[in-house]
PDB file of N, CA and C in Angstrom:
ATOM      1  N   MET A   1      41.730 -24.233  15.816  1.00  0.00           N
ATOM      2  CA  MET A   1      43.066 -24.323  15.253  1.00  0.00           C
ATOM      3  C   MET A   1      43.035 -24.753  13.788  1.00  0.00           C
ATOM      4  N   ALA A   2      42.129 -25.654  13.461  1.00  0.00           N
ATOM      5  CA  ALA A   2      42.048 -26.151  12.093  1.00  0.00           C
ATOM      6  C   ALA A   2      41.677 -25.029  11.131  1.00  0.00           C
ATOM      7  N   GLU A   3      40.822 -24.102  11.576  1.00  0.00           N
ATOM      8  CA  GLU A   3      40.443 -22.986  10.723  1.00  0.00           C
ATOM      9  C   GLU A   3      41.635 -22.085  10.448  1.00  0.00           C
ATOM     10  N   GLN A   4      42.470 -21.868  11.466  1.00  0.00           N
ATOM     11  CA  GLN A   4      43.629 -21.003  11.287  1.00  0.00           C
ATOM     12  C   GLN A   4      44.643 -21.653  10.338  1.00  0.00           C
ATOM     13  N   ASP A   5      44.871 -22.954  10.466  1.00  0.00           N
ATOM     14  CA  ASP A   5      45.783 -23.646   9.559  1.00  0.00           C
ATOM     15  C   ASP A   5      45.256 -23.589   8.132  1.00  0.00           C
ATOM     16  N   ASN A   6      43.959 -23.766   7.976  1.00  0.00           N
ATOM     17  CA  ASN A   6      43.352 -23.711   6.659  1.00  0.00           C
ATOM     18  C   ASN A   6      43.518 -22.306   6.071  1.00  0.00           C
ATOM     19  N   PHE A   7      43.325 -21.276   6.905  1.00  0.00           N
ATOM     20  CA  PHE A   7      43.489 -19.909   6.443  1.00  0.00           C
ATOM     21  C   PHE A   7      44.927 -19.647   6.013  1.00  0.00           C
ATOM     22  N   GLU A   8      45.895 -20.115   6.799  1.00  0.00           N
ATOM     23  CA  GLU A   8      47.306 -19.922   6.453  1.00  0.00           C
ATOM     24  C   GLU A   8      47.627 -20.588   5.123  1.00  0.00           C
ATOM     25  N   ASP A   9      47.113 -21.786   4.898  1.00  0.00           N
ATOM     26  CA  ASP A   9      47.351 -22.483   3.630  1.00  0.00           C
ATOM     27  C   ASP A   9      46.745 -21.713   2.469  1.00  0.00           C
ATOM     28  N   ARG A  10      45.513 -21.258   2.639  1.00  0.00           N
ATOM     29  CA  ARG A  10      44.858 -20.507   1.564  1.00  0.00           C
ATOM     30  C   ARG A  10      45.578 -19.191   1.305  1.00  0.00           C
ATOM     31  N   LEU A  11      46.017 -18.521   2.359  1.00  0.00           N
ATOM     32  CA  LEU A  11      46.744 -17.271   2.191  1.00  0.00           C
ATOM     33  C   LEU A  11      48.063 -17.506   1.451  1.00  0.00           C
ATOM     34  N   ARG A  12      48.790 -18.541   1.816  1.00  0.00           N
ATOM     35  CA  ARG A  12      50.045 -18.874   1.155  1.00  0.00           C
ATOM     36  C   ARG A  12      49.818 -19.169  -0.330  1.00  0.00           C
ATOM     37  N   GLN A  13      48.773 -19.914  -0.642  1.00  0.00           N
ATOM     38  CA  GLN A  13      48.464 -20.240  -2.039  1.00  0.00           C
ATOM     39  C   GLN A  13      48.080 -18.988  -2.823  1.00  0.00           C
ATOM     40  N   ALA A  14      47.297 -18.108  -2.207  1.00  0.00           N
ATOM     41  CA  ALA A  14      46.895 -16.875  -2.886  1.00  0.00           C
ATOM     42  C   ALA A  14      48.098 -15.977  -3.142  1.00  0.00           C
ATOM     43  N   ARG A  15      48.993 -15.864  -2.168  1.00  0.00           N
ATOM     44  CA  ARG A  15      50.197 -15.048  -2.366  1.00  0.00           C
ATOM     45  C   ARG A  15      51.079 -15.616  -3.459  1.00  0.00           C
ATOM     46  N   ALA A  16      51.184 -16.936  -3.534  1.00  0.00           N
ATOM     47  CA  ALA A  16      51.981 -17.573  -4.576  1.00  0.00           C
ATOM     48  C   ALA A  16      51.364 -17.321  -5.949  1.00  0.00           C
ATOM     49  N   ARG A  17      50.036 -17.384  -6.047  1.00  0.00           N
ATOM     50  CA  ARG A  17      49.365 -17.131  -7.330  1.00  0.00           C
ATOM     51  C   ARG A  17      49.580 -15.705  -7.799  1.00  0.00           C
ATOM     52  N   GLN A  18      49.583 -14.767  -6.881  1.00  0.00           N
ATOM     53  CA  GLN A  18      49.741 -13.360  -7.230  1.00  0.00           C
ATOM     54  C   GLN A  18      51.209 -12.969  -7.422  1.00  0.00           C
ATOM     55  N   GLY A  19      52.116 -13.864  -7.109  1.00  0.00           N
ATOM     56  CA  GLY A  19      53.541 -13.558  -7.242  1.00  0.00           C
ATOM     57  C   GLY A  19      54.079 -12.726  -6.087  1.00  0.00           C
ATOM     58  N   LEU A  20      53.378 -12.706  -4.978  1.00  0.00           N
ATOM     59  CA  LEU A  20      53.809 -11.917  -3.829  1.00  0.00           C
ATOM     60  C   LEU A  20      54.684 -12.694  -2.871  1.00  0.00           C
ATOM     61  N   ASP A  21      54.683 -13.999  -2.990  1.00  0.00           N
ATOM     62  CA  ASP A  21      55.473 -14.830  -2.090  1.00  0.00           C
ATOM     63  C   ASP A  21      56.843 -15.052  -2.711  1.00  0.00           C
ATOM     64  N   ILE A  22      57.881 -14.835  -1.933  1.00  0.00           N
ATOM     65  CA  ILE A  22      59.249 -15.010  -2.412  1.00  0.00           C
ATOM     66  C   ILE A  22      59.579 -16.495  -2.345  1.00  0.00           C
ATOM     67  N   ALA A  23      60.133 -16.995  -3.422  1.00  0.00           N
ATOM     68  CA  ALA A  23      60.504 -18.405  -3.455  1.00  0.00           C
ATOM     69  C   ALA A  23      61.600 -18.670  -2.430  1.00  0.00           C
ATOM     70  N   PRO A  24      61.621 -19.858  -1.807  1.00  0.00           N
ATOM     71  CA  PRO A  24      62.622 -20.150  -0.774  1.00  0.00           C
ATOM     72  C   PRO A  24      64.057 -20.015  -1.272  1.00  0.00           C
ATOM     73  N   GLU A  25      64.325 -20.318  -2.547  1.00  0.00           N
ATOM     74  CA  GLU A  25      65.703 -20.227  -3.029  1.00  0.00           C
ATOM     75  C   GLU A  25      66.151 -18.782  -3.198  1.00  0.00           C
ATOM     76  N   LYS A  26      65.229 -17.820  -3.196  1.00  0.00           N
ATOM     77  CA  LYS A  26      65.601 -16.418  -3.337  1.00  0.00           C
ATOM     78  C   LYS A  26      65.647 -15.696  -1.995  1.00  0.00           C
ATOM     79  N   ARG A  27      65.467 -16.391  -0.894  1.00  0.00           N
ATOM     80  CA  ARG A  27      65.430 -15.763   0.420  1.00  0.00           C
ATOM     81  C   ARG A  27      66.795 -15.698   1.093  1.00  0.00           C
ATOM     82  N   ASP A  28      67.855 -16.043   0.407  1.00  0.00           N
ATOM     83  CA  ASP A  28      69.164 -16.077   1.042  1.00  0.00           C
ATOM     84  C   ASP A  28      69.830 -14.702   1.117  1.00  0.00           C
ATOM     85  N   GLY A  29      69.174 -13.663   0.655  1.00  0.00           N
ATOM     86  CA  GLY A  29      69.711 -12.314   0.750  1.00  0.00           C
ATOM     87  C   GLY A  29      70.593 -11.908  -0.408  1.00  0.00           C
ATOM     88  N   LYS A  30      70.814 -12.805  -1.349  1.00  0.00           N
ATOM     89  CA  LYS A  30      71.637 -12.467  -2.498  1.00  0.00           C
ATOM     90  C   LYS A  30      70.758 -11.925  -3.613  1.00  0.00           C
ATOM     91  N   PRO A  31      71.211 -10.862  -4.291  1.00  0.00           N
ATOM     92  CA  PRO A  31      70.431 -10.329  -5.405  1.00  0.00           C
ATOM     93  C   PRO A  31      70.404 -11.318  -6.567  1.00  0.00           C
ATOM     94  N   THR A  32      69.348 -11.257  -7.367  1.00  0.00           N
ATOM     95  CA  THR A  32      69.211 -12.211  -8.459  1.00  0.00           C
ATOM     96  C   THR A  32      69.516 -11.605  -9.820  1.00  0.00           C
ATOM     97  N   SER A  33      69.342 -10.308 -10.012  1.00  0.00           N
ATOM     98  CA  SER A  33      69.601  -9.703 -11.314  1.00  0.00           C
ATOM     99  C   SER A  33      71.079  -9.311 -11.428  1.00  0.00           C
ATOM    100  N   PRO A  34      71.609  -9.250 -12.634  1.00  0.00           N
ATOM    101  CA  PRO A  34      73.016  -8.846 -12.799  1.00  0.00           C
ATOM    102  C   PRO A  34      73.284  -7.433 -12.282  1.00  0.00           C
ATOM    103  N   TYR A  35      72.321  -6.538 -12.484  1.00  0.00           N
ATOM    104  CA  TYR A  35      72.503  -5.177 -11.975  1.00  0.00           C
ATOM    105  C   TYR A  35      72.528  -5.165 -10.457  1.00  0.00           C
ATOM    106  N   GLY A  36      71.700  -5.978  -9.844  1.00  0.00           N
ATOM    107  CA  GLY A  36      71.677  -6.064  -8.379  1.00  0.00           C
ATOM    108  C   GLY A  36      72.978  -6.601  -7.823  1.00  0.00           C
ATOM    109  N   VAL A  37      73.532  -7.596  -8.498  1.00  0.00           N
ATOM    110  CA  VAL A  37      74.804  -8.171  -8.051  1.00  0.00           C
ATOM    111  C   VAL A  37      75.926  -7.146  -8.199  1.00  0.00           C
ATOM    112  N   GLY A  38      75.965  -6.460  -9.333  1.00  0.00           N
ATOM    113  CA  GLY A  38      77.000  -5.456  -9.548  1.00  0.00           C
ATOM    114  C   GLY A  38      76.896  -4.299  -8.581  1.00  0.00           C
ATOM    115  N   PHE A  39      75.670  -3.846  -8.335  1.00  0.00           N
ATOM    116  CA  PHE A  39      75.463  -2.746  -7.398  1.00  0.00           C
ATOM    117  C   PHE A  39      75.878  -3.148  -5.992  1.00  0.00           C
ATOM    118  N   ARG A  40      75.485  -4.359  -5.582  1.00  0.00           N
ATOM    119  CA  ARG A  40      75.848  -4.805  -4.234  1.00  0.00           C
ATOM    120  C   ARG A  40      77.354  -4.964  -4.104  1.00  0.00           C
ATOM    121  N   ALA A  41      78.022  -5.495  -5.131  1.00  0.00           N
ATOM    122  CA  ALA A  41      79.474  -5.656  -5.068  1.00  0.00           C
ATOM    123  C   ALA A  41      80.158  -4.296  -4.938  1.00  0.00           C
ATOM    124  N   GLY A  42      79.685  -3.320  -5.706  1.00  0.00           N
ATOM    125  CA  GLY A  42      80.260  -1.983  -5.616  1.00  0.00           C
ATOM    126  C   GLY A  42      80.046  -1.349  -4.255  1.00  0.00           C
ATOM    127  N   VAL A  43      78.844  -1.499  -3.729  1.00  0.00           N
ATOM    128  CA  VAL A  43      78.544  -0.931  -2.406  1.00  0.00           C
ATOM    129  C   VAL A  43      79.388  -1.598  -1.334  1.00  0.00           C
ATOM    130  N   GLU A  44      79.584  -2.915  -1.446  1.00  0.00           N
ATOM    131  CA  GLU A  44      80.395  -3.633  -0.454  1.00  0.00           C
ATOM    132  C   GLU A  44      81.821  -3.090  -0.421  1.00  0.00           C
ATOM    133  N   VAL A  45      82.422  -2.912  -1.587  1.00  0.00           N
ATOM    134  CA  VAL A  45      83.812  -2.449  -1.642  1.00  0.00           C
ATOM    135  C   VAL A  45      83.922  -1.003  -1.164  1.00  0.00           C
ATOM    136  N   VAL A  46      83.052  -0.138  -1.673  1.00  0.00           N
ATOM    137  CA  VAL A  46      83.127   1.282  -1.333  1.00  0.00           C
ATOM    138  C   VAL A  46      82.852   1.507   0.148  1.00  0.00           C
ATOM    139  N   SER A  47      81.851   0.825   0.695  1.00  0.00           N
ATOM    140  CA  SER A  47      81.547   1.041   2.113  1.00  0.00           C
ATOM    141  C   SER A  47      82.675   0.537   3.009  1.00  0.00           C
ATOM    142  N   ALA A  48      83.294  -0.583   2.659  1.00  0.00           N
ATOM    143  CA  ALA A  48      84.411  -1.075   3.455  1.00  0.00           C
ATOM    144  C   ALA A  48      85.595  -0.102   3.389  1.00  0.00           C
ATOM    145  N   LEU A  49      85.845   0.463   2.211  1.00  0.00           N
ATOM    146  CA  LEU A  49      86.930   1.446   2.089  1.00  0.00           C
ATOM    147  C   LEU A  49      86.636   2.712   2.893  1.00  0.00           C
ATOM    148  N   ILE A  50      85.390   3.168   2.857  1.00  0.00           N
ATOM    149  CA  ILE A  50      85.037   4.380   3.603  1.00  0.00           C
ATOM    150  C   ILE A  50      85.210   4.166   5.102  1.00  0.00           C
ATOM    151  N   VAL A  51      84.772   3.019   5.594  1.00  0.00           N
ATOM    152  CA  VAL A  51      84.926   2.730   7.024  1.00  0.00           C
ATOM    153  C   VAL A  51      86.405   2.641   7.383  1.00  0.00           C
ATOM    154  N   GLY A  52      87.200   1.968   6.558  1.00  0.00           N
ATOM    155  CA  GLY A  52      88.635   1.866   6.830  1.00  0.00           C
ATOM    156  C   GLY A  52      89.327   3.211   6.814  1.00  0.00           C
ATOM    157  N   ILE A  53      88.995   4.037   5.836  1.00  0.00           N
ATOM    158  CA  ILE A  53      89.602   5.366   5.743  1.00  0.00           C
ATOM    159  C   ILE A  53      89.209   6.219   6.947  1.00  0.00           C
ATOM    160  N   ALA A  54      87.932   6.170   7.317  1.00  0.00           N
ATOM    161  CA  ALA A  54      87.469   6.982   8.449  1.00  0.00           C
ATOM    162  C   ALA A  54      88.141   6.546   9.751  1.00  0.00           C
ATOM    163  N   LEU A  55      88.186   5.238  10.001  1.00  0.00           N
ATOM    164  CA  LEU A  55      88.836   4.762  11.228  1.00  0.00           C
ATOM    165  C   LEU A  55      90.324   5.127  11.249  1.00  0.00           C
ATOM    166  N   GLY A  56      90.998   4.939  10.133  1.00  0.00           N
ATOM    167  CA  GLY A  56      92.419   5.276  10.075  1.00  0.00           C
ATOM    168  C   GLY A  56      92.674   6.752  10.290  1.00  0.00           C
ATOM    169  N   ALA A  57      91.868   7.599   9.677  1.00  0.00           N
ATOM    170  CA  ALA A  57      92.054   9.045   9.825  1.00  0.00           C
ATOM    171  C   ALA A  57      91.776   9.482  11.266  1.00  0.00           C
ATOM    172  N   ILE A  58      90.722   8.938  11.863  1.00  0.00           N
ATOM    173  CA  ILE A  58      90.394   9.308  13.247  1.00  0.00           C
ATOM    174  C   ILE A  58      91.492   8.867  14.201  1.00  0.00           C
ATOM    175  N   LEU A  59      91.950   7.624  14.044  1.00  0.00           N
ATOM    176  CA  LEU A  59      93.012   7.143  14.926  1.00  0.00           C
ATOM    177  C   LEU A  59      94.316   7.894  14.709  1.00  0.00           C
ATOM    178  N   ASP A  60      94.634   8.228  13.460  1.00  0.00           N
ATOM    179  CA  ASP A  60      95.854   9.001  13.193  1.00  0.00           C
ATOM    180  C   ASP A  60      95.784  10.389  13.816  1.00  0.00           C
ATOM    181  N   ARG A  61      94.643  11.019  13.704  1.00  0.00           N
ATOM    182  CA  ARG A  61      94.501  12.351  14.287  1.00  0.00           C
ATOM    183  C   ARG A  61      94.606  12.281  15.811  1.00  0.00           C
ATOM    184  N   TRP A  62      94.007  11.239  16.388  1.00  0.00           N
ATOM    185  CA  TRP A  62      94.001  11.086  17.848  1.00  0.00           C
ATOM    186  C   TRP A  62      95.396  10.749  18.382  1.00  0.00           C
ATOM    187  N   LEU A  63      96.107   9.848  17.665  1.00  0.00           N
ATOM    188  CA  LEU A  63      97.418   9.400  18.138  1.00  0.00           C
ATOM    189  C   LEU A  63      98.590  10.175  17.538  1.00  0.00           C
ATOM    190  N   GLY A  64      98.332  11.011  16.542  1.00  0.00           N
ATOM    191  CA  GLY A  64      99.380  11.802  15.923  1.00  0.00           C
ATOM    192  C   GLY A  64     100.363  10.974  15.104  1.00  0.00           C
ATOM    193  N   THR A  65      99.874   9.970  14.427  1.00  0.00           N
ATOM    194  CA  THR A  65     100.753   9.087  13.646  1.00  0.00           C
ATOM    195  C   THR A  65     100.510   9.202  12.147  1.00  0.00           C
ATOM    196  N   TRP A  66     100.000  10.326  11.688  1.00  0.00           N
ATOM    197  CA  TRP A  66      99.640  10.480  10.277  1.00  0.00           C
ATOM    198  C   TRP A  66     100.799  10.126   9.383  1.00  0.00           C
ATOM    199  N   PRO A  67     100.707   9.428   8.339  1.00  0.00           N
ATOM    200  CA  PRO A  67      99.603   8.756   7.651  1.00  0.00           C
ATOM    201  C   PRO A  67      99.590   7.251   7.870  1.00  0.00           C
ATOM    202  N   TRP A  68     100.298   6.745   8.860  1.00  0.00           N
ATOM    203  CA  TRP A  68     100.513   5.298   8.953  1.00  0.00           C
ATOM    204  C   TRP A  68      99.236   4.509   9.247  1.00  0.00           C
ATOM    205  N   LEU A  69      98.479   4.877  10.239  1.00  0.00           N
ATOM    206  CA  LEU A  69      97.250   4.145  10.524  1.00  0.00           C
ATOM    207  C   LEU A  69      96.219   4.333   9.408  1.00  0.00           C
ATOM    208  N   PHE A  70      96.232   5.515   8.794  1.00  0.00           N
ATOM    209  CA  PHE A  70      95.362   5.756   7.649  1.00  0.00           C
ATOM    210  C   PHE A  70      95.646   4.737   6.547  1.00  0.00           C
ATOM    211  N   LEU A  71      96.915   4.529   6.247  1.00  0.00           N
ATOM    212  CA  LEU A  71      97.290   3.575   5.196  1.00  0.00           C
ATOM    213  C   LEU A  71      96.958   2.135   5.588  1.00  0.00           C
ATOM    214  N   VAL A  72      97.210   1.782   6.839  1.00  0.00           N
ATOM    215  CA  VAL A  72      96.926   0.427   7.307  1.00  0.00           C
ATOM    216  C   VAL A  72      95.426   0.139   7.229  1.00  0.00           C
ATOM    217  N   PHE A  73      94.610   1.066   7.719  1.00  0.00           N
ATOM    218  CA  PHE A  73      93.167   0.849   7.703  1.00  0.00           C
ATOM    219  C   PHE A  73      92.587   0.966   6.294  1.00  0.00           C
ATOM    220  N   PHE A  74      93.223   1.748   5.427  1.00  0.00           N
ATOM    221  CA  PHE A  74      92.810   1.795   4.026  1.00  0.00           C
ATOM    222  C   PHE A  74      93.003   0.420   3.386  1.00  0.00           C
ATOM    223  N   LEU A  75      94.156  -0.192   3.633  1.00  0.00           N
ATOM    224  CA  LEU A  75      94.410  -1.534   3.098  1.00  0.00           C
ATOM    225  C   LEU A  75      93.467  -2.569   3.710  1.00  0.00           C
ATOM    226  N   MET A  76      93.226  -2.461   5.010  1.00  0.00           N
ATOM    227  CA  MET A  76      92.315  -3.403   5.665  1.00  0.00           C
ATOM    228  C   MET A  76      90.885  -3.237   5.128  1.00  0.00           C
ATOM    229  N   GLY A  77      90.468  -2.025   4.856  1.00  0.00           N
ATOM    230  CA  GLY A  77      89.146  -1.793   4.271  1.00  0.00           C
ATOM    231  C   GLY A  77      89.047  -2.376   2.876  1.00  0.00           C
ATOM    232  N   GLY A  78      90.112  -2.242   2.088  1.00  0.00           N
ATOM    233  CA  GLY A  78      90.124  -2.840   0.753  1.00  0.00           C
ATOM    234  C   GLY A  78      90.041  -4.349   0.814  1.00  0.00           C
ATOM    235  N   VAL A  79      90.783  -4.950   1.727  1.00  0.00           N
ATOM    236  CA  VAL A  79      90.738  -6.409   1.889  1.00  0.00           C
ATOM    237  C   VAL A  79      89.353  -6.850   2.346  1.00  0.00           C
ATOM    238  N   ALA A  80      88.760  -6.115   3.279  1.00  0.00           N
ATOM    239  CA  ALA A  80      87.418  -6.459   3.751  1.00  0.00           C
ATOM    240  C   ALA A  80      86.400  -6.352   2.618  1.00  0.00           C
ATOM    241  N   GLY A  81      86.522  -5.339   1.779  1.00  0.00           N
ATOM    242  CA  GLY A  81      85.612  -5.194   0.648  1.00  0.00           C
ATOM    243  C   GLY A  81      85.755  -6.333  -0.340  1.00  0.00           C
ATOM    244  N   VAL A  82      86.975  -6.736  -0.636  1.00  0.00           N
ATOM    245  CA  VAL A  82      87.205  -7.850  -1.560  1.00  0.00           C
ATOM    246  C   VAL A  82      86.677  -9.151  -0.963  1.00  0.00           C
ATOM    247  N   LEU A  83      86.877  -9.360   0.335  1.00  0.00           N
ATOM    248  CA  LEU A  83      86.340 -10.557   0.984  1.00  0.00           C
ATOM    249  C   LEU A  83      84.809 -10.581   0.944  1.00  0.00           C
ATOM    250  N   ASN A  84      84.181  -9.433   1.128  1.00  0.00           N
ATOM    251  CA  ASN A  84      82.726  -9.378   1.043  1.00  0.00           C
ATOM    252  C   ASN A  84      82.236  -9.729  -0.354  1.00  0.00           C
ATOM    253  N   VAL A  85      82.928  -9.243  -1.381  1.00  0.00           N
ATOM    254  CA  VAL A  85      82.545  -9.579  -2.758  1.00  0.00           C
ATOM    255  C   VAL A  85      82.804 -11.057  -3.018  1.00  0.00           C
ATOM    256  N   TYR A  86      83.882 -11.594  -2.483  1.00  0.00           N
ATOM    257  CA  TYR A  86      84.154 -13.022  -2.627  1.00  0.00           C
ATOM    258  C   TYR A  86      83.030 -13.848  -2.002  1.00  0.00           C
ATOM    259  N   ARG A  87      82.594 -13.443  -0.816  1.00  0.00           N
ATOM    260  CA  ARG A  87      81.480 -14.151  -0.167  1.00  0.00           C
ATOM    261  C   ARG A  87      80.191 -14.012  -0.967  1.00  0.00           C
ATOM    262  N   LEU A  88      80.012 -12.890  -1.636  1.00  0.00           N
ATOM    263  CA  LEU A  88      78.821 -12.688  -2.449  1.00  0.00           C
ATOM    264  C   LEU A  88      78.788 -13.673  -3.609  1.00  0.00           C
ATOM    265  N   PHE A  89      79.930 -13.934  -4.210  1.00  0.00           N
ATOM    266  CA  PHE A  89      79.983 -14.795  -5.383  1.00  0.00           C
ATOM    267  C   PHE A  89      80.287 -16.257  -5.069  1.00  0.00           C
ATOM    268  N   SER A  90      80.691 -16.557  -3.853  1.00  0.00           N
ATOM    269  CA  SER A  90      81.011 -17.949  -3.537  1.00  0.00           C
ATOM    270  C   SER A  90      79.724 -18.745  -3.348  1.00  0.00           C
ATOM    271  N   PRO A  91      79.734 -20.007  -3.762  1.00  0.00           N
ATOM    272  CA  PRO A  91      78.530 -20.828  -3.587  1.00  0.00           C
ATOM    273  C   PRO A  91      78.278 -21.083  -2.110  1.00  0.00           C
ATOM    274  N   ARG A  92      77.024 -21.249  -1.778  1.00  0.00           N
ATOM    275  CA  ARG A  92      76.630 -21.415  -0.379  1.00  0.00           C
ATOM    276  C   ARG A  92      77.238 -22.680   0.240  1.00  0.00           C
ATOM    277  N   GLY A  93      77.351 -23.736  -0.520  1.00  0.00           N
ATOM    278  CA  GLY A  93      77.845 -24.992   0.026  1.00  0.00           C
ATOM    279  C   GLY A  93      79.341 -25.158  -0.094  1.00  0.00           C
ATOM    280  N   GLY A  94      80.061 -24.076  -0.407  1.00  0.00           N
ATOM    281  CA  GLY A  94      81.502 -24.178  -0.594  1.00  0.00           C
ATOM    282  C   GLY A  94      82.241 -24.406   0.704  1.00  0.00           C
ATOM    283  N   ALA A  95      83.551 -24.481   0.600  1.00  0.00           N
ATOM    284  CA  ALA A  95      84.390 -24.704   1.782  1.00  0.00           C
ATOM    285  C   ALA A  95      84.276 -23.525   2.716  1.00  0.00           C
ATOM    286  N   LYS A  96      84.166 -23.804   3.979  1.00  0.00           N
ATOM    287  CA  LYS A  96      84.052 -22.753   4.982  1.00  0.00           C
ATOM    288  C   LYS A  96      85.378 -22.583   5.692  1.00  0.00           C
ATOM    289  N   PRO A  97      85.758 -21.318   5.985  1.00  0.00           N
ATOM    290  CA  PRO A  97      87.018 -21.105   6.690  1.00  0.00           C
ATOM    291  C   PRO A  97      86.936 -21.652   8.112  1.00  0.00           C
ATOM    292  N   ARG A  98      88.086 -22.072   8.621  1.00  0.00           N
ATOM    293  CA  ARG A  98      88.120 -22.642   9.978  1.00  0.00           C
ATOM    294  C   ARG A  98      88.258 -21.575  11.011  1.00  0.00           C
TER     295      ARG A  98
END
């Protein structure tokens, strides 16, 4: 067991020296570069809108209520996208919703 622990320590040190080990503060899943943050924010909003539009259109076609559910789910997708971007920019230790 001692040999394996020693190997793990040496491997961790070698990865850190080579820059292959990700620092613990960067492991939270948030991008670190400004371009990464902007790209992720855009993807969050667009993907939420696409899902909302698709669900609204499918439900409207199925229930014959065009365009009401489409509009409702479009708005819900926009709100979800904005909330995702808010979570992206909010500090980790901030107030949590109840």
